[in-house]
Amino acid sequence: MTETIETVCFDLDDTLCTYSRGGDEVLAAAFDRAGVSQCWDIDAYYDRYRDYLEDSTDIRDLRRRCFGDLTVAAGEDRSIGEAVADAFAEVRAQESVEPLPGARRVVDQLGEEYRLGLITNGPPGMQQTKLEAIGLADRFETVVCAGYDAAAKPSAEPFDLALERLESTPDRAVYVGNSLASDVAGASAAGLRSVWIPATDSVPEQPTPAPEHTLESLEELVTPPW
């Protein structure tokens, strides 16, 4: 028998909010600002950044480590990668964080019926700033910054920690996110039901791992599928 859902947890980046410019545009601008030719793309960073979460002191340190390694792997000097990381931070600081359509409405509506949590990969200070920017800083009973409060997603650890704080259990919880590799895989590892909202139009016919529910937009959550 399926247990009744009592807890809903969300991812943050590209699930509830997004930057006004994509990471690929910001990275290209950072290489240009640093005065060097681009030698790797944003997907390389996205594929590697989780490896640096536990050992980095903050997001600036993480980017300098990761960008440095990626640049060395591309056959260039580490100092170039570090300069690009600093330029990336400068360009990003000029960007605005925007809520995705329906974010506030969905969170407010679900908050009337369910206990809410946030489980996000990223530094606490940076993620809190994003929540404040989109008007959702006080909507979640707990915020777990995976990679800092617990191991990074897709480890089950941050999900376990959030449910412990919310006094809930995996069979009574659902997780909403945009990433198969981090969100759906992590929720599955921890035993939560998953709602996948792809951030792009390129969706595989048989996503792996398979989410319990796939939605086209966050706004569809006004009518929960569980």
N, C-alpha and C. Protein backbone atom coordinates (compact mmCIF):
# COMPACT_ATOMS: atom_id res chain seq x y z
N MET A 1 0.85 -1.19 0.00
CA MET A 1 0.00 0.00 0.00
C MET A 1 0.88 1.25 0.00
N THR A 2 0.58 2.22 -0.85
CA THR A 2 1.35 3.44 -0.95
C THR A 2 1.03 4.37 0.20
N GLU A 3 2.07 4.82 0.88
CA GLU A 3 1.87 5.73 2.00
C GLU A 3 1.47 7.12 1.49
N THR A 4 0.73 7.83 2.32
CA THR A 4 0.32 9.18 1.98
C THR A 4 1.50 10.13 2.06
N ILE A 5 1.64 10.98 1.05
CA ILE A 5 2.73 11.95 1.05
C ILE A 5 2.43 13.05 2.07
N GLU A 6 3.43 13.34 2.91
CA GLU A 6 3.29 14.41 3.91
C GLU A 6 4.41 15.44 3.80
N THR A 7 5.46 15.12 3.03
CA THR A 7 6.63 15.97 2.93
C THR A 7 7.03 16.15 1.47
N VAL A 8 7.30 17.39 1.09
CA VAL A 8 7.77 17.68 -0.26
C VAL A 8 9.08 18.46 -0.15
N CYS A 9 10.12 17.95 -0.80
CA CYS A 9 11.41 18.63 -0.83
C CYS A 9 11.75 19.03 -2.26
N PHE A 10 12.44 20.14 -2.39
CA PHE A 10 12.78 20.69 -3.69
C PHE A 10 14.29 20.82 -3.86
N ASP A 11 14.71 20.74 -5.11
CA ASP A 11 16.00 21.23 -5.55
C ASP A 11 15.84 22.74 -5.75
N LEU A 12 16.96 23.47 -5.89
CA LEU A 12 16.87 24.92 -6.09
C LEU A 12 17.23 25.34 -7.51
N ASP A 13 18.48 25.14 -7.91
CA ASP A 13 18.96 25.65 -9.19
C ASP A 13 18.31 24.96 -10.38
N ASP A 14 17.70 25.74 -11.25
CA ASP A 14 17.01 25.27 -12.46
C ASP A 14 15.77 24.45 -12.15
N THR A 15 15.36 24.44 -10.86
CA THR A 15 14.08 23.86 -10.47
C THR A 15 13.16 24.97 -9.98
N LEU A 16 13.67 25.79 -9.07
CA LEU A 16 12.90 26.93 -8.58
C LEU A 16 13.41 28.26 -9.11
N CYS A 17 14.69 28.32 -9.50
CA CYS A 17 15.26 29.59 -9.96
C CYS A 17 16.28 29.35 -11.05
N THR A 18 16.62 30.42 -11.73
CA THR A 18 17.65 30.36 -12.76
C THR A 18 18.30 31.72 -12.88
N TYR A 19 19.51 31.75 -13.42
CA TYR A 19 20.18 33.02 -13.69
C TYR A 19 19.63 33.61 -14.99
N SER A 20 19.79 34.92 -15.13
CA SER A 20 19.28 35.59 -16.33
C SER A 20 20.07 35.21 -17.58
N ARG A 21 21.33 34.73 -17.41
CA ARG A 21 22.11 34.21 -18.54
C ARG A 21 22.58 32.80 -18.21
N GLY A 22 22.62 31.97 -19.22
CA GLY A 22 23.06 30.60 -19.03
C GLY A 22 24.54 30.50 -18.70
N GLY A 23 24.92 29.38 -18.09
CA GLY A 23 26.30 29.18 -17.71
C GLY A 23 27.26 29.22 -18.88
N ASP A 24 26.81 28.74 -20.07
CA ASP A 24 27.68 28.74 -21.23
C ASP A 24 28.02 30.16 -21.67
N GLU A 25 27.04 31.06 -21.58
CA GLU A 25 27.28 32.46 -21.93
C GLU A 25 28.23 33.12 -20.93
N VAL A 26 28.02 32.83 -19.65
CA VAL A 26 28.87 33.42 -18.62
C VAL A 26 30.30 32.93 -18.76
N LEU A 27 30.48 31.64 -19.04
CA LEU A 27 31.82 31.09 -19.19
C LEU A 27 32.53 31.71 -20.39
N ALA A 28 31.83 31.86 -21.50
CA ALA A 28 32.43 32.48 -22.69
C ALA A 28 32.86 33.91 -22.37
N ALA A 29 32.02 34.63 -21.62
CA ALA A 29 32.36 36.00 -21.24
C ALA A 29 33.56 36.02 -20.30
N ALA A 30 33.66 35.00 -19.43
CA ALA A 30 34.78 34.94 -18.48
C ALA A 30 36.10 34.69 -19.21
N PHE A 31 36.11 33.79 -20.18
CA PHE A 31 37.32 33.57 -20.97
C PHE A 31 37.71 34.85 -21.70
N ASP A 32 36.71 35.53 -22.25
CA ASP A 32 36.97 36.77 -22.97
C ASP A 32 37.54 37.83 -22.03
N ARG A 33 36.95 37.93 -20.84
CA ARG A 33 37.41 38.93 -19.87
C ARG A 33 38.83 38.62 -19.41
N ALA A 34 39.15 37.33 -19.30
CA ALA A 34 40.50 36.93 -18.89
C ALA A 34 41.51 37.06 -20.03
N GLY A 35 41.02 37.31 -21.25
CA GLY A 35 41.90 37.52 -22.39
C GLY A 35 42.53 36.27 -22.94
N VAL A 36 41.85 35.12 -22.80
CA VAL A 36 42.37 33.85 -23.31
C VAL A 36 41.30 33.14 -24.12
N SER A 37 41.74 32.24 -25.00
CA SER A 37 40.81 31.47 -25.82
C SER A 37 40.15 30.38 -24.98
N GLN A 38 38.87 30.15 -25.20
CA GLN A 38 38.15 29.13 -24.44
C GLN A 38 38.65 27.74 -24.83
N CYS A 39 39.00 26.93 -23.82
CA CYS A 39 39.58 25.61 -24.10
C CYS A 39 38.77 24.47 -23.50
N TRP A 40 37.64 24.74 -22.88
CA TRP A 40 36.71 23.71 -22.41
C TRP A 40 35.34 24.37 -22.25
N ASP A 41 34.28 23.54 -22.19
CA ASP A 41 32.93 24.11 -22.17
C ASP A 41 32.28 23.94 -20.80
N ILE A 42 31.11 24.55 -20.65
CA ILE A 42 30.44 24.57 -19.34
C ILE A 42 30.05 23.18 -18.87
N ASP A 43 29.77 22.26 -19.80
CA ASP A 43 29.40 20.90 -19.40
C ASP A 43 30.53 20.21 -18.66
N ALA A 44 31.77 20.55 -19.01
CA ALA A 44 32.92 19.96 -18.31
C ALA A 44 32.91 20.38 -16.85
N TYR A 45 32.56 21.64 -16.60
CA TYR A 45 32.45 22.13 -15.22
C TYR A 45 31.30 21.46 -14.49
N TYR A 46 30.14 21.38 -15.13
CA TYR A 46 28.98 20.76 -14.49
C TYR A 46 29.25 19.29 -14.17
N ASP A 47 30.02 18.62 -15.02
CA ASP A 47 30.33 17.21 -14.79
C ASP A 47 31.30 17.00 -13.63
N ARG A 48 32.10 18.03 -13.32
CA ARG A 48 33.18 17.87 -12.34
C ARG A 48 32.96 18.57 -11.02
N TYR A 49 32.08 19.59 -10.97
CA TYR A 49 32.09 20.45 -9.78
C TYR A 49 31.76 19.71 -8.49
N ARG A 50 30.95 18.64 -8.56
CA ARG A 50 30.61 17.90 -7.34
C ARG A 50 31.85 17.29 -6.69
N ASP A 51 32.86 17.00 -7.50
CA ASP A 51 34.08 16.39 -6.97
C ASP A 51 34.82 17.32 -6.01
N TYR A 52 34.51 18.63 -6.07
CA TYR A 52 35.24 19.62 -5.28
C TYR A 52 34.45 20.16 -4.10
N LEU A 53 33.21 19.74 -3.96
CA LEU A 53 32.35 20.33 -2.94
C LEU A 53 32.87 20.13 -1.52
N GLU A 54 33.29 18.92 -1.20
CA GLU A 54 33.66 18.61 0.18
C GLU A 54 34.97 19.28 0.60
N ASP A 55 35.88 19.52 -0.34
CA ASP A 55 37.20 20.04 0.02
C ASP A 55 37.33 21.54 -0.17
N SER A 56 36.30 22.19 -0.73
CA SER A 56 36.41 23.63 -1.01
C SER A 56 35.87 24.44 0.16
N THR A 57 36.48 25.58 0.41
CA THR A 57 36.04 26.43 1.50
C THR A 57 34.84 27.27 1.12
N ASP A 58 34.72 27.62 -0.16
CA ASP A 58 33.59 28.39 -0.66
C ASP A 58 33.53 28.22 -2.17
N ILE A 59 32.54 28.87 -2.81
CA ILE A 59 32.35 28.67 -4.24
C ILE A 59 33.52 29.24 -5.04
N ARG A 60 34.15 30.32 -4.55
CA ARG A 60 35.30 30.88 -5.27
C ARG A 60 36.45 29.88 -5.27
N ASP A 61 36.71 29.27 -4.11
CA ASP A 61 37.76 28.26 -4.02
C ASP A 61 37.44 27.06 -4.91
N LEU A 62 36.17 26.64 -4.91
CA LEU A 62 35.76 25.50 -5.73
C LEU A 62 36.03 25.77 -7.21
N ARG A 63 35.59 26.95 -7.67
CA ARG A 63 35.77 27.25 -9.09
C ARG A 63 37.25 27.33 -9.46
N ARG A 64 38.07 27.94 -8.60
CA ARG A 64 39.49 28.06 -8.91
C ARG A 64 40.14 26.68 -9.00
N ARG A 65 39.76 25.78 -8.10
CA ARG A 65 40.31 24.41 -8.16
C ARG A 65 39.85 23.69 -9.43
N CYS A 66 38.53 23.74 -9.67
CA CYS A 66 37.95 23.01 -10.80
C CYS A 66 38.41 23.60 -12.13
N PHE A 67 38.31 24.91 -12.26
CA PHE A 67 38.71 25.55 -13.51
C PHE A 67 40.20 25.33 -13.77
N GLY A 68 41.00 25.36 -12.70
CA GLY A 68 42.43 25.12 -12.86
C GLY A 68 42.70 23.73 -13.40
N ASP A 69 42.04 22.72 -12.83
CA ASP A 69 42.25 21.34 -13.28
C ASP A 69 41.77 21.15 -14.72
N LEU A 70 40.62 21.72 -15.06
CA LEU A 70 40.11 21.59 -16.41
C LEU A 70 41.04 22.24 -17.43
N THR A 71 41.64 23.36 -17.05
CA THR A 71 42.53 24.06 -17.95
C THR A 71 43.85 23.31 -18.13
N VAL A 72 44.36 22.73 -17.05
CA VAL A 72 45.56 21.90 -17.14
C VAL A 72 45.29 20.69 -18.05
N ALA A 73 44.11 20.07 -17.88
CA ALA A 73 43.75 18.92 -18.71
C ALA A 73 43.65 19.30 -20.19
N ALA A 74 43.34 20.57 -20.45
CA ALA A 74 43.26 21.05 -21.83
C ALA A 74 44.62 21.48 -22.38
N GLY A 75 45.67 21.31 -21.56
CA GLY A 75 47.02 21.60 -22.02
C GLY A 75 47.49 23.01 -21.77
N GLU A 76 46.77 23.75 -20.91
CA GLU A 76 47.14 25.13 -20.62
C GLU A 76 47.59 25.26 -19.16
N ASP A 77 48.11 26.40 -18.81
CA ASP A 77 48.62 26.64 -17.47
C ASP A 77 47.49 26.82 -16.46
N ARG A 78 47.70 26.32 -15.25
CA ARG A 78 46.69 26.42 -14.20
C ARG A 78 46.30 27.87 -13.91
N SER A 79 47.25 28.77 -13.99
CA SER A 79 46.96 30.17 -13.69
C SER A 79 45.90 30.75 -14.63
N ILE A 80 45.83 30.22 -15.84
CA ILE A 80 44.80 30.67 -16.79
C ILE A 80 43.42 30.26 -16.29
N GLY A 81 43.30 29.03 -15.83
CA GLY A 81 42.04 28.56 -15.30
C GLY A 81 41.60 29.34 -14.08
N GLU A 82 42.55 29.68 -13.22
CA GLU A 82 42.22 30.45 -12.02
C GLU A 82 41.77 31.86 -12.39
N ALA A 83 42.40 32.45 -13.42
CA ALA A 83 41.99 33.78 -13.89
C ALA A 83 40.58 33.73 -14.47
N VAL A 84 40.28 32.66 -15.18
CA VAL A 84 38.93 32.51 -15.75
C VAL A 84 37.91 32.33 -14.62
N ALA A 85 38.28 31.60 -13.57
CA ALA A 85 37.38 31.42 -12.42
C ALA A 85 37.06 32.76 -11.77
N ASP A 86 38.07 33.61 -11.60
CA ASP A 86 37.84 34.93 -11.01
C ASP A 86 36.96 35.78 -11.92
N ALA A 87 37.20 35.69 -13.23
CA ALA A 87 36.39 36.45 -14.18
C ALA A 87 34.95 35.93 -14.20
N PHE A 88 34.79 34.62 -14.07
CA PHE A 88 33.46 34.01 -14.02
C PHE A 88 32.66 34.58 -12.85
N ALA A 89 33.33 34.70 -11.69
CA ALA A 89 32.66 35.25 -10.50
C ALA A 89 32.25 36.69 -10.73
N GLU A 90 33.09 37.46 -11.40
CA GLU A 90 32.79 38.86 -11.67
C GLU A 90 31.59 38.99 -12.60
N VAL A 91 31.56 38.16 -13.64
CA VAL A 91 30.44 38.20 -14.58
C VAL A 91 29.15 37.74 -13.90
N ARG A 92 29.26 36.67 -13.12
CA ARG A 92 28.08 36.12 -12.44
C ARG A 92 27.50 37.13 -11.45
N ALA A 93 28.37 37.89 -10.80
CA ALA A 93 27.92 38.86 -9.80
C ALA A 93 27.05 39.94 -10.43
N GLN A 94 27.18 40.12 -11.72
CA GLN A 94 26.39 41.13 -12.43
C GLN A 94 25.05 40.56 -12.92
N GLU A 95 24.87 39.26 -12.75
CA GLU A 95 23.64 38.61 -13.20
C GLU A 95 22.57 38.67 -12.13
N SER A 96 21.33 38.59 -12.54
CA SER A 96 20.22 38.51 -11.59
C SER A 96 19.69 37.09 -11.54
N VAL A 97 19.26 36.68 -10.34
CA VAL A 97 18.62 35.36 -10.17
C VAL A 97 17.12 35.57 -10.23
N GLU A 98 16.46 34.76 -11.03
CA GLU A 98 15.03 34.93 -11.25
C GLU A 98 14.28 33.65 -10.87
N PRO A 99 13.09 33.79 -10.28
CA PRO A 99 12.29 32.59 -10.01
C PRO A 99 11.76 32.02 -11.32
N LEU A 100 11.70 30.72 -11.43
CA LEU A 100 11.08 30.12 -12.59
C LEU A 100 9.57 30.31 -12.52
N PRO A 101 8.89 30.34 -13.66
CA PRO A 101 7.44 30.57 -13.66
C PRO A 101 6.70 29.63 -12.71
N GLY A 102 5.90 30.20 -11.84
CA GLY A 102 5.09 29.41 -10.93
C GLY A 102 5.76 29.04 -9.63
N ALA A 103 7.04 29.40 -9.45
CA ALA A 103 7.78 28.94 -8.27
C ALA A 103 7.11 29.36 -6.97
N ARG A 104 6.82 30.63 -6.82
CA ARG A 104 6.24 31.10 -5.57
C ARG A 104 4.85 30.52 -5.36
N ARG A 105 4.06 30.50 -6.40
CA ARG A 105 2.69 29.97 -6.29
C ARG A 105 2.71 28.50 -5.87
N VAL A 106 3.56 27.71 -6.52
CA VAL A 106 3.62 26.27 -6.23
C VAL A 106 4.09 26.03 -4.80
N VAL A 107 5.17 26.71 -4.39
CA VAL A 107 5.70 26.51 -3.04
C VAL A 107 4.68 26.95 -1.99
N ASP A 108 4.05 28.08 -2.20
CA ASP A 108 3.05 28.56 -1.24
C ASP A 108 1.87 27.62 -1.15
N GLN A 109 1.41 27.12 -2.29
CA GLN A 109 0.25 26.24 -2.29
C GLN A 109 0.57 24.90 -1.62
N LEU A 110 1.72 24.32 -1.96
CA LEU A 110 2.08 23.04 -1.35
C LEU A 110 2.37 23.20 0.14
N GLY A 111 2.87 24.38 0.52
CA GLY A 111 3.15 24.62 1.93
C GLY A 111 1.93 24.63 2.81
N GLU A 112 0.75 24.80 2.22
CA GLU A 112 -0.49 24.76 2.99
C GLU A 112 -0.87 23.34 3.39
N GLU A 113 -0.34 22.35 2.67
CA GLU A 113 -0.72 20.96 2.92
C GLU A 113 0.43 20.07 3.36
N TYR A 114 1.66 20.43 2.96
CA TYR A 114 2.81 19.56 3.21
C TYR A 114 3.90 20.30 3.98
N ARG A 115 4.75 19.54 4.66
CA ARG A 115 5.97 20.10 5.23
C ARG A 115 6.98 20.20 4.10
N LEU A 116 7.68 21.33 4.03
CA LEU A 116 8.56 21.59 2.90
C LEU A 116 10.03 21.65 3.31
N GLY A 117 10.87 21.09 2.46
CA GLY A 117 12.31 21.17 2.65
C GLY A 117 13.01 21.49 1.34
N LEU A 118 14.25 21.93 1.42
CA LEU A 118 15.06 22.22 0.25
C LEU A 118 16.37 21.45 0.38
N ILE A 119 16.74 20.73 -0.68
CA ILE A 119 18.00 19.97 -0.71
C ILE A 119 18.73 20.40 -1.97
N THR A 120 19.84 21.13 -1.81
CA THR A 120 20.52 21.72 -2.94
C THR A 120 22.02 21.53 -2.85
N ASN A 121 22.65 21.22 -3.97
CA ASN A 121 24.11 21.22 -4.02
C ASN A 121 24.58 22.66 -4.11
N GLY A 122 25.44 23.08 -3.20
CA GLY A 122 25.95 24.45 -3.29
C GLY A 122 26.25 25.04 -1.93
N PRO A 123 27.07 26.10 -1.90
CA PRO A 123 27.47 26.74 -0.65
C PRO A 123 26.28 27.40 0.04
N PRO A 124 26.18 27.28 1.37
CA PRO A 124 25.03 27.84 2.09
C PRO A 124 24.80 29.32 1.83
N GLY A 125 25.85 30.13 1.88
CA GLY A 125 25.67 31.56 1.69
C GLY A 125 25.12 31.90 0.32
N MET A 126 25.65 31.27 -0.69
CA MET A 126 25.20 31.55 -2.06
C MET A 126 23.76 31.09 -2.28
N GLN A 127 23.42 29.92 -1.75
CA GLN A 127 22.07 29.40 -1.95
C GLN A 127 21.05 30.23 -1.17
N GLN A 128 21.43 30.69 0.03
CA GLN A 128 20.52 31.54 0.80
C GLN A 128 20.28 32.86 0.08
N THR A 129 21.31 33.39 -0.54
CA THR A 129 21.16 34.63 -1.30
C THR A 129 20.18 34.45 -2.45
N LYS A 130 20.24 33.31 -3.10
CA LYS A 130 19.31 33.03 -4.20
C LYS A 130 17.88 32.94 -3.68
N LEU A 131 17.68 32.26 -2.55
CA LEU A 131 16.34 32.14 -1.97
C LEU A 131 15.78 33.51 -1.62
N GLU A 132 16.62 34.37 -1.08
CA GLU A 132 16.17 35.73 -0.75
C GLU A 132 15.81 36.50 -2.02
N ALA A 133 16.60 36.32 -3.07
CA ALA A 133 16.38 37.05 -4.32
C ALA A 133 15.06 36.66 -4.98
N ILE A 134 14.62 35.42 -4.80
CA ILE A 134 13.38 34.98 -5.45
C ILE A 134 12.19 34.96 -4.48
N GLY A 135 12.40 35.47 -3.27
CA GLY A 135 11.30 35.61 -2.33
C GLY A 135 10.85 34.33 -1.66
N LEU A 136 11.77 33.36 -1.52
CA LEU A 136 11.39 32.08 -0.91
C LEU A 136 12.26 31.74 0.31
N ALA A 137 12.91 32.72 0.88
CA ALA A 137 13.87 32.45 1.96
C ALA A 137 13.23 31.87 3.21
N ASP A 138 11.94 32.15 3.44
CA ASP A 138 11.29 31.71 4.67
C ASP A 138 10.25 30.63 4.44
N ARG A 139 10.30 29.97 3.29
CA ARG A 139 9.24 29.01 2.96
C ARG A 139 9.56 27.57 3.36
N PHE A 140 10.81 27.28 3.67
CA PHE A 140 11.21 25.89 3.92
C PHE A 140 11.58 25.69 5.38
N GLU A 141 11.08 24.59 5.95
CA GLU A 141 11.39 24.28 7.35
C GLU A 141 12.86 23.91 7.53
N THR A 142 13.46 23.35 6.49
CA THR A 142 14.88 23.03 6.55
C THR A 142 15.49 23.21 5.18
N VAL A 143 16.75 23.65 5.17
CA VAL A 143 17.53 23.77 3.94
C VAL A 143 18.82 22.98 4.15
N VAL A 144 19.04 21.98 3.32
CA VAL A 144 20.25 21.18 3.39
C VAL A 144 21.11 21.53 2.19
N CYS A 145 22.30 22.05 2.43
CA CYS A 145 23.24 22.38 1.37
C CYS A 145 24.18 21.20 1.20
N ALA A 146 23.84 20.34 0.26
CA ALA A 146 24.63 19.12 0.03
C ALA A 146 26.03 19.50 -0.45
N GLY A 147 27.00 18.77 0.06
CA GLY A 147 28.39 19.10 -0.19
C GLY A 147 28.99 19.91 0.95
N TYR A 148 28.11 20.42 1.84
CA TYR A 148 28.54 21.23 2.99
C TYR A 148 27.92 20.68 4.27
N ASP A 149 26.58 20.59 4.32
CA ASP A 149 25.91 20.01 5.48
C ASP A 149 25.98 18.48 5.46
N ALA A 150 26.12 17.93 4.28
CA ALA A 150 26.16 16.48 4.08
C ALA A 150 26.85 16.24 2.74
N ALA A 151 27.01 14.98 2.38
CA ALA A 151 27.62 14.66 1.09
C ALA A 151 26.78 15.24 -0.05
N ALA A 152 27.41 15.47 -1.17
CA ALA A 152 26.71 16.04 -2.32
C ALA A 152 25.73 15.03 -2.93
N LYS A 153 24.64 15.55 -3.49
CA LYS A 153 23.76 14.69 -4.28
C LYS A 153 24.58 14.14 -5.46
N PRO A 154 24.40 12.90 -5.86
CA PRO A 154 23.25 12.03 -5.59
C PRO A 154 23.38 11.11 -4.39
N SER A 155 24.26 11.38 -3.47
CA SER A 155 24.30 10.60 -2.23
C SER A 155 22.95 10.66 -1.54
N ALA A 156 22.59 9.61 -0.84
CA ALA A 156 21.35 9.59 -0.07
C ALA A 156 21.46 10.45 1.19
N GLU A 157 22.67 10.79 1.59
CA GLU A 157 22.90 11.46 2.88
C GLU A 157 22.13 12.77 3.05
N PRO A 158 22.16 13.69 2.07
CA PRO A 158 21.41 14.95 2.29
C PRO A 158 19.91 14.74 2.36
N PHE A 159 19.39 13.75 1.66
CA PHE A 159 17.96 13.44 1.73
C PHE A 159 17.61 12.88 3.11
N ASP A 160 18.46 11.99 3.61
CA ASP A 160 18.24 11.44 4.95
C ASP A 160 18.25 12.53 6.00
N LEU A 161 19.18 13.48 5.87
CA LEU A 161 19.30 14.56 6.84
C LEU A 161 18.05 15.45 6.81
N ALA A 162 17.59 15.80 5.62
CA ALA A 162 16.40 16.64 5.49
C ALA A 162 15.18 15.96 6.11
N LEU A 163 15.00 14.69 5.84
CA LEU A 163 13.83 13.98 6.38
C LEU A 163 13.93 13.84 7.89
N GLU A 164 15.13 13.66 8.40
CA GLU A 164 15.31 13.60 9.86
C GLU A 164 14.87 14.92 10.49
N ARG A 165 15.29 16.04 9.91
CA ARG A 165 14.92 17.34 10.43
C ARG A 165 13.42 17.60 10.32
N LEU A 166 12.80 17.05 9.28
CA LEU A 166 11.37 17.26 9.04
C LEU A 166 10.51 16.20 9.74
N GLU A 167 11.16 15.29 10.46
CA GLU A 167 10.47 14.22 11.17
C GLU A 167 9.57 13.43 10.22
N SER A 168 10.15 13.09 9.08
CA SER A 168 9.42 12.36 8.06
C SER A 168 10.21 11.11 7.66
N THR A 169 9.65 10.34 6.75
CA THR A 169 10.28 9.11 6.28
C THR A 169 10.22 9.07 4.76
N PRO A 170 11.13 8.31 4.10
CA PRO A 170 11.17 8.28 2.64
C PRO A 170 9.85 7.88 1.99
N ASP A 171 9.13 6.96 2.61
CA ASP A 171 7.89 6.50 1.98
C ASP A 171 6.77 7.53 2.07
N ARG A 172 6.98 8.60 2.82
CA ARG A 172 5.98 9.66 2.92
C ARG A 172 6.48 10.97 2.31
N ALA A 173 7.54 10.86 1.49
CA ALA A 173 8.16 12.07 0.96
C ALA A 173 8.35 11.99 -0.55
N VAL A 174 8.37 13.16 -1.17
CA VAL A 174 8.62 13.27 -2.61
C VAL A 174 9.65 14.37 -2.83
N TYR A 175 10.47 14.20 -3.86
CA TYR A 175 11.51 15.18 -4.17
C TYR A 175 11.32 15.69 -5.58
N VAL A 176 11.41 17.01 -5.73
CA VAL A 176 11.20 17.66 -7.02
C VAL A 176 12.51 18.25 -7.50
N GLY A 177 12.96 17.89 -8.71
CA GLY A 177 14.21 18.42 -9.23
C GLY A 177 14.30 18.32 -10.73
N ASN A 178 15.34 18.94 -11.29
CA ASN A 178 15.49 18.99 -12.74
C ASN A 178 16.55 18.03 -13.29
N SER A 179 17.36 17.45 -12.41
CA SER A 179 18.49 16.64 -12.86
C SER A 179 18.26 15.15 -12.62
N LEU A 180 18.42 14.35 -13.67
CA LEU A 180 18.33 12.90 -13.50
C LEU A 180 19.50 12.40 -12.64
N ALA A 181 20.71 12.90 -12.94
CA ALA A 181 21.92 12.39 -12.29
C ALA A 181 22.00 12.75 -10.83
N SER A 182 21.55 13.95 -10.45
CA SER A 182 21.64 14.39 -9.06
C SER A 182 20.34 14.20 -8.30
N ASP A 183 19.24 14.67 -8.88
CA ASP A 183 17.98 14.73 -8.15
C ASP A 183 17.21 13.40 -8.16
N VAL A 184 16.97 12.87 -9.34
CA VAL A 184 16.23 11.61 -9.43
C VAL A 184 17.06 10.47 -8.85
N ALA A 185 18.34 10.43 -9.19
CA ALA A 185 19.21 9.37 -8.66
C ALA A 185 19.34 9.47 -7.15
N GLY A 186 19.49 10.69 -6.63
CA GLY A 186 19.63 10.86 -5.19
C GLY A 186 18.36 10.50 -4.44
N ALA A 187 17.22 10.93 -4.97
CA ALA A 187 15.94 10.60 -4.34
C ALA A 187 15.73 9.10 -4.33
N SER A 188 16.06 8.45 -5.44
CA SER A 188 15.91 7.00 -5.53
C SER A 188 16.80 6.29 -4.52
N ALA A 189 18.04 6.77 -4.39
CA ALA A 189 18.98 6.17 -3.44
C ALA A 189 18.47 6.26 -2.00
N ALA A 190 17.73 7.35 -1.71
CA ALA A 190 17.23 7.56 -0.36
C ALA A 190 15.82 7.00 -0.15
N GLY A 191 15.22 6.50 -1.22
CA GLY A 191 13.89 5.89 -1.10
C GLY A 191 12.72 6.83 -1.25
N LEU A 192 12.97 8.08 -1.72
CA LEU A 192 11.88 9.02 -1.93
C LEU A 192 11.30 8.85 -3.33
N ARG A 193 10.03 9.18 -3.50
CA ARG A 193 9.46 9.29 -4.82
C ARG A 193 10.00 10.57 -5.48
N SER A 194 10.16 10.54 -6.78
CA SER A 194 10.77 11.68 -7.47
C SER A 194 9.84 12.27 -8.53
N VAL A 195 9.89 13.59 -8.62
CA VAL A 195 9.21 14.33 -9.69
C VAL A 195 10.30 15.03 -10.48
N TRP A 196 10.39 14.69 -11.75
CA TRP A 196 11.43 15.24 -12.62
C TRP A 196 10.83 16.30 -13.52
N ILE A 197 11.44 17.51 -13.49
CA ILE A 197 11.02 18.59 -14.37
C ILE A 197 12.25 18.98 -15.19
N PRO A 198 12.43 18.42 -16.37
CA PRO A 198 13.65 18.67 -17.15
C PRO A 198 13.85 20.15 -17.42
N ALA A 199 15.12 20.58 -17.33
CA ALA A 199 15.44 21.99 -17.57
C ALA A 199 15.59 22.30 -19.05
N THR A 200 15.61 21.27 -19.90
CA THR A 200 15.75 21.48 -21.35
C THR A 200 14.66 20.71 -22.07
N ASP A 201 14.53 20.98 -23.36
CA ASP A 201 13.53 20.29 -24.19
C ASP A 201 14.04 18.94 -24.67
N SER A 202 15.33 18.67 -24.46
CA SER A 202 15.92 17.41 -24.90
C SER A 202 15.72 16.35 -23.82
N VAL A 203 14.63 15.59 -23.95
CA VAL A 203 14.25 14.61 -22.94
C VAL A 203 14.31 13.21 -23.54
N PRO A 204 15.07 12.29 -22.94
CA PRO A 204 15.13 10.92 -23.46
C PRO A 204 13.79 10.21 -23.32
N GLU A 205 13.51 9.31 -24.23
CA GLU A 205 12.25 8.56 -24.18
C GLU A 205 12.19 7.68 -22.94
N GLN A 206 13.32 7.13 -22.55
CA GLN A 206 13.39 6.30 -21.35
C GLN A 206 14.48 6.85 -20.42
N PRO A 207 14.15 7.86 -19.64
CA PRO A 207 15.16 8.47 -18.76
C PRO A 207 15.71 7.47 -17.74
N THR A 208 17.00 7.60 -17.47
CA THR A 208 17.67 6.72 -16.51
C THR A 208 18.47 7.57 -15.53
N PRO A 209 18.20 7.39 -14.22
CA PRO A 209 17.18 6.54 -13.62
C PRO A 209 15.78 7.09 -13.89
N ALA A 210 14.79 6.21 -13.80
CA ALA A 210 13.43 6.59 -14.14
C ALA A 210 12.74 7.28 -12.97
N PRO A 211 12.22 8.49 -13.17
CA PRO A 211 11.47 9.17 -12.11
C PRO A 211 10.06 8.59 -12.01
N GLU A 212 9.42 8.80 -10.86
CA GLU A 212 8.03 8.35 -10.71
C GLU A 212 7.09 9.23 -11.54
N HIS A 213 7.44 10.51 -11.65
CA HIS A 213 6.60 11.43 -12.41
C HIS A 213 7.49 12.37 -13.21
N THR A 214 7.09 12.69 -14.43
CA THR A 214 7.78 13.67 -15.26
C THR A 214 6.80 14.76 -15.64
N LEU A 215 7.16 16.02 -15.38
CA LEU A 215 6.30 17.15 -15.69
C LEU A 215 7.00 18.05 -16.71
N GLU A 216 6.21 18.79 -17.46
CA GLU A 216 6.77 19.71 -18.44
C GLU A 216 7.17 21.03 -17.81
N SER A 217 6.54 21.40 -16.71
CA SER A 217 6.86 22.67 -16.07
C SER A 217 6.55 22.60 -14.59
N LEU A 218 7.18 23.48 -13.84
CA LEU A 218 6.94 23.58 -12.40
C LEU A 218 5.49 23.91 -12.11
N GLU A 219 4.86 24.69 -12.96
CA GLU A 219 3.49 25.13 -12.72
C GLU A 219 2.50 23.97 -12.65
N GLU A 220 2.85 22.83 -13.25
CA GLU A 220 1.97 21.66 -13.19
C GLU A 220 1.83 21.13 -11.78
N LEU A 221 2.74 21.51 -10.88
CA LEU A 221 2.66 21.02 -9.51
C LEU A 221 1.51 21.61 -8.71
N VAL A 222 0.80 22.59 -9.27
CA VAL A 222 -0.38 23.10 -8.56
C VAL A 222 -1.41 21.99 -8.41
N THR A 223 -1.32 20.98 -9.28
CA THR A 223 -2.11 19.75 -9.14
C THR A 223 -1.13 18.60 -8.95
N PRO A 224 -0.75 18.29 -7.73
CA PRO A 224 0.30 17.28 -7.47
C PRO A 224 -0.02 15.94 -8.15
N PRO A 225 0.97 15.31 -8.78
CA PRO A 225 0.74 14.05 -9.48
C PRO A 225 0.76 12.81 -8.60
N TRP A 226 1.09 12.97 -7.31
CA TRP A 226 1.20 11.79 -6.45
C TRP A 226 -0.12 11.49 -5.74
